[in-house]
Every structure is written in structure tokens, then in C-alpha cells.
Amino acid sequence: MPRKILVVEDVENNRILIRDLLAYYGYTVVEAKNGSECVELAKEERPDLILMDLQMPVMDGFTAVKILKNDPGTRDIKIFGITSSAMKGDREKVMDAGFDGYISKPIDTRQLPRIVKMLLR
């Protein structure tokens, strides 16, 4: 059974890259452009994993993860933040916000499929 991944990214080129890469490896990919769309789609689609940018217009990833982790219908979905910020303390900030982990940008196209496979075990 194909695993479903929700990719949440406001930059279209990044979203296309992640979508195409994951689709190549057989995953079903659903896309959202901001945290608000993510919350809506997570409830409708029930993905196995959410890969979410942290900084987006309309609703950022920190707000979206708080909503999803406080909702009994979505709290068990694994949510990984995608960030271009890799400063000291960022990991703690992301984990404290409720994410299950994070992936740094730029996306390593060789590593991402391995990471996703590991996360979905």
C-alpha cells in the first residue's frame, strides 16, 4: 500500500522538487502552500507523514503543528519541519514546538528518500 505524505511548502520550486522525488519512490504526495491548507488537508487526507516548511505566509509551521498535535484526529501523524535555519538552538525550538524532527534545507535529494523511508517504518 503506498504511503501518503503531505508536503507543505510555500515556494513552488521546492514543493515540486520534493513531490517529484517522493513520487518517484512510490509515495502518494498531497501538497499544501501554507499551514492553514495543511491543517485542512491533514484532517481530510490523513497522511502518514507531513513534511512542513516552518516559515510560510497565512499560517506558519509552528502554528500549524500546534493545531495538529492538539487535535485527537491528527495528533499521531508524524510531522517533520523543513527549515533553512540551522542555527544553534533551532533544533530545540522545533522540537519544543511539537515537531517530531526536522530536515535542513537545501534538501539533499539522495538523503530525503532514505529519511522518509526510515520515518515511515
C-alpha atoms as a PDB file:
ATOM      1  CA  MET A   1       0.000   0.000   0.000  1.00  0.00           C
ATOM      2  CA  PRO A   2       1.512   3.374  -0.986  1.00  0.00           C
ATOM      3  CA  ARG A   3       2.230   5.697   1.907  1.00  0.00           C
ATOM      4  CA  LYS A   4       0.730   9.192   1.791  1.00  0.00           C
ATOM      5  CA  ILE A   5       2.882  12.251   2.510  1.00  0.00           C
ATOM      6  CA  LEU A   6       1.643  15.814   2.846  1.00  0.00           C
ATOM      7  CA  VAL A   7       4.247  18.314   1.631  1.00  0.00           C
ATOM      8  CA  VAL A   8       3.700  21.841   2.953  1.00  0.00           C
ATOM      9  CA  GLU A   9       5.888  24.449   1.286  1.00  0.00           C
ATOM     10  CA  ASP A  10       5.116  27.947   0.021  1.00  0.00           C
ATOM     11  CA  VAL A  11       7.930  28.011  -2.558  1.00  0.00           C
ATOM     12  CA  GLU A  12       6.605  26.233  -5.632  1.00  0.00           C
ATOM     13  CA  ASN A  13      10.003  25.011  -6.904  1.00  0.00           C
ATOM     14  CA  ASN A  14      10.775  23.399  -3.529  1.00  0.00           C
ATOM     15  CA  ARG A  15       7.323  21.782  -3.445  1.00  0.00           C
ATOM     16  CA  ILE A  16       7.744  20.385  -6.965  1.00  0.00           C
ATOM     17  CA  LEU A  17      11.207  19.010  -6.166  1.00  0.00           C
ATOM     18  CA  ILE A  18      10.013  17.205  -3.034  1.00  0.00           C
ATOM     19  CA  ARG A  19       6.798  15.992  -4.703  1.00  0.00           C
ATOM     20  CA  ASP A  20       8.536  14.601  -7.762  1.00  0.00           C
ATOM     21  CA  LEU A  21      11.281  12.965  -5.719  1.00  0.00           C
ATOM     22  CA  LEU A  22       8.844  11.243  -3.369  1.00  0.00           C
ATOM     23  CA  ALA A  23       6.503  10.225  -6.208  1.00  0.00           C
ATOM     24  CA  TYR A  24       9.471   8.610  -7.968  1.00  0.00           C
ATOM     25  CA  TYR A  25       9.927   6.404  -4.893  1.00  0.00           C
ATOM     26  CA  GLY A  26       6.269   5.383  -4.951  1.00  0.00           C
ATOM     27  CA  TYR A  27       4.780   7.678  -2.338  1.00  0.00           C
ATOM     28  CA  THR A  28       1.420   9.370  -2.801  1.00  0.00           C
ATOM     29  CA  VAL A  29       2.011  13.088  -2.327  1.00  0.00           C
ATOM     30  CA  VAL A  30      -0.532  15.720  -1.330  1.00  0.00           C
ATOM     31  CA  GLU A  31       0.523  19.381  -1.426  1.00  0.00           C
ATOM     32  CA  ALA A  32      -0.284  22.495   0.601  1.00  0.00           C
ATOM     33  CA  LYS A  33       1.085  26.032   0.239  1.00  0.00           C
ATOM     34  CA  ASN A  34       0.713  27.153   3.868  1.00  0.00           C
ATOM     35  CA  GLY A  35      -0.109  25.967   7.358  1.00  0.00           C
ATOM     36  CA  SER A  36      -3.806  26.693   7.030  1.00  0.00           C
ATOM     37  CA  GLU A  37      -4.104  24.440   3.965  1.00  0.00           C
ATOM     38  CA  CYS A  38      -2.018  21.852   5.803  1.00  0.00           C
ATOM     39  CA  VAL A  39      -4.391  21.670   8.762  1.00  0.00           C
ATOM     40  CA  GLU A  40      -7.371  21.273   6.434  1.00  0.00           C
ATOM     41  CA  LEU A  41      -5.711  18.623   4.243  1.00  0.00           C
ATOM     42  CA  ALA A  42      -4.306  16.680   7.197  1.00  0.00           C
ATOM     43  CA  LYS A  43      -7.834  16.228   8.538  1.00  0.00           C
ATOM     44  CA  GLU A  44      -9.214  15.242   5.106  1.00  0.00           C
ATOM     45  CA  GLU A  45      -6.375  13.101   3.760  1.00  0.00           C
ATOM     46  CA  ARG A  46      -4.929  11.529   6.932  1.00  0.00           C
ATOM     47  CA  PRO A  47      -1.333  11.351   5.635  1.00  0.00           C
ATOM     48  CA  ASP A  48       1.244   9.023   7.153  1.00  0.00           C
ATOM     49  CA  LEU A  49       3.784  11.858   7.323  1.00  0.00           C
ATOM     50  CA  ILE A  50       3.825  15.642   6.973  1.00  0.00           C
ATOM     51  CA  LEU A  51       6.934  17.480   5.738  1.00  0.00           C
ATOM     52  CA  MET A  52       6.332  21.141   6.558  1.00  0.00           C
ATOM     53  CA  ASP A  53       8.230  24.339   5.963  1.00  0.00           C
ATOM     54  CA  LEU A  54       8.437  26.469   9.092  1.00  0.00           C
ATOM     55  CA  GLN A  55       8.219  29.956   7.596  1.00  0.00           C
ATOM     56  CA  MET A  56       5.168  30.460   5.350  1.00  0.00           C
ATOM     57  CA  PRO A  57       2.543  33.129   4.723  1.00  0.00           C
ATOM     58  CA  VAL A  58      -1.049  32.832   6.044  1.00  0.00           C
ATOM     59  CA  MET A  59      -0.072  30.355   8.805  1.00  0.00           C
ATOM     60  CA  ASP A  60       3.465  29.278   9.678  1.00  0.00           C
ATOM     61  CA  GLY A  61       4.539  25.749  10.502  1.00  0.00           C
ATOM     62  CA  PHE A  62       4.798  26.428  14.243  1.00  0.00           C
ATOM     63  CA  THR A  63       1.126  27.416  14.448  1.00  0.00           C
ATOM     64  CA  ALA A  64       0.016  24.537  12.216  1.00  0.00           C
ATOM     65  CA  VAL A  65       1.902  21.889  14.220  1.00  0.00           C
ATOM     66  CA  LYS A  66       0.359  23.176  17.457  1.00  0.00           C
ATOM     67  CA  ILE A  67      -3.150  22.837  15.977  1.00  0.00           C
ATOM     68  CA  LEU A  68      -2.461  19.358  14.561  1.00  0.00           C
ATOM     69  CA  LYS A  69      -0.814  17.977  17.699  1.00  0.00           C
ATOM     70  CA  ASN A  70      -3.709  19.251  19.857  1.00  0.00           C
ATOM     71  CA  ASP A  71      -6.351  17.598  17.655  1.00  0.00           C
ATOM     72  CA  PRO A  72      -7.132  13.951  18.576  1.00  0.00           C
ATOM     73  CA  GLY A  73      -7.749  13.182  14.882  1.00  0.00           C
ATOM     74  CA  THR A  74      -4.300  14.324  13.736  1.00  0.00           C
ATOM     75  CA  ARG A  75      -2.042  14.196  16.803  1.00  0.00           C
ATOM     76  CA  ASP A  76      -0.474  10.846  15.848  1.00  0.00           C
ATOM     77  CA  ILE A  77       0.683  11.969  12.382  1.00  0.00           C
ATOM     78  CA  LYS A  78       4.471  12.329  12.251  1.00  0.00           C
ATOM     79  CA  ILE A  79       5.346  15.933  11.377  1.00  0.00           C
ATOM     80  CA  PHE A  80       8.827  16.979  10.334  1.00  0.00           C
ATOM     81  CA  GLY A  81       9.779  20.596   9.946  1.00  0.00           C
ATOM     82  CA  ILE A  82      11.783  21.713   6.940  1.00  0.00           C
ATOM     83  CA  THR A  83      13.973  24.701   7.670  1.00  0.00           C
ATOM     84  CA  SER A  84      16.695  26.739   6.053  1.00  0.00           C
ATOM     85  CA  SER A  85      17.752  27.879   9.513  1.00  0.00           C
ATOM     86  CA  ALA A  86      20.358  25.686  11.161  1.00  0.00           C
ATOM     87  CA  MET A  87      21.459  27.990  13.948  1.00  0.00           C
ATOM     88  CA  LYS A  88      22.360  26.810  17.427  1.00  0.00           C
ATOM     89  CA  GLY A  89      19.166  26.238  19.364  1.00  0.00           C
ATOM     90  CA  ASP A  90      16.933  25.810  16.292  1.00  0.00           C
ATOM     91  CA  ARG A  91      16.585  22.066  16.816  1.00  0.00           C
ATOM     92  CA  GLU A  92      15.344  22.615  20.362  1.00  0.00           C
ATOM     93  CA  LYS A  93      12.909  25.308  19.191  1.00  0.00           C
ATOM     94  CA  VAL A  94      11.477  22.982  16.516  1.00  0.00           C
ATOM     95  CA  MET A  95      11.192  20.011  18.878  1.00  0.00           C
ATOM     96  CA  ASP A  96       9.685  22.135  21.665  1.00  0.00           C
ATOM     97  CA  ALA A  97       7.037  23.355  19.198  1.00  0.00           C
ATOM     98  CA  GLY A  98       5.794  19.771  18.779  1.00  0.00           C
ATOM     99  CA  PHE A  99       7.527  18.605  15.617  1.00  0.00           C
ATOM    100  CA  ASP A 100       8.796  15.019  15.554  1.00  0.00           C
ATOM    101  CA  GLY A 101      12.044  16.210  13.962  1.00  0.00           C
ATOM    102  CA  TYR A 102      13.373  18.451  11.256  1.00  0.00           C
ATOM    103  CA  ILE A 103      15.206  18.404   7.948  1.00  0.00           C
ATOM    104  CA  SER A 104      17.536  21.200   6.850  1.00  0.00           C
ATOM    105  CA  LYS A 105      17.412  22.992   3.516  1.00  0.00           C
ATOM    106  CA  PRO A 106      18.716  22.769   0.932  1.00  0.00           C
ATOM    107  CA  ILE A 107      17.065  19.374   0.549  1.00  0.00           C
ATOM    108  CA  ASP A 108      19.559  16.591  -0.142  1.00  0.00           C
ATOM    109  CA  THR A 109      17.792  14.623  -2.889  1.00  0.00           C
ATOM    110  CA  ARG A 110      19.799  11.476  -2.100  1.00  0.00           C
ATOM    111  CA  GLN A 111      19.135  11.608   1.625  1.00  0.00           C
ATOM    112  CA  LEU A 112      15.449  12.608   1.638  1.00  0.00           C
ATOM    113  CA  PRO A 113      14.083   9.259   0.348  1.00  0.00           C
ATOM    114  CA  ARG A 114      16.177   7.408   2.948  1.00  0.00           C
ATOM    115  CA  ILE A 115      14.994   9.708   5.721  1.00  0.00           C
ATOM    116  CA  VAL A 116      11.340   9.332   4.685  1.00  0.00           C
ATOM    117  CA  LYS A 117      11.654   5.534   4.482  1.00  0.00           C
ATOM    118  CA  MET A 118      13.135   5.490   7.996  1.00  0.00           C
ATOM    119  CA  LEU A 119      10.402   7.791   9.349  1.00  0.00           C
ATOM    120  CA  LEU A 120       7.630   5.604   7.967  1.00  0.00           C
ATOM    121  CA  ARG A 121       8.887   2.341   9.500  1.00  0.00           C
END
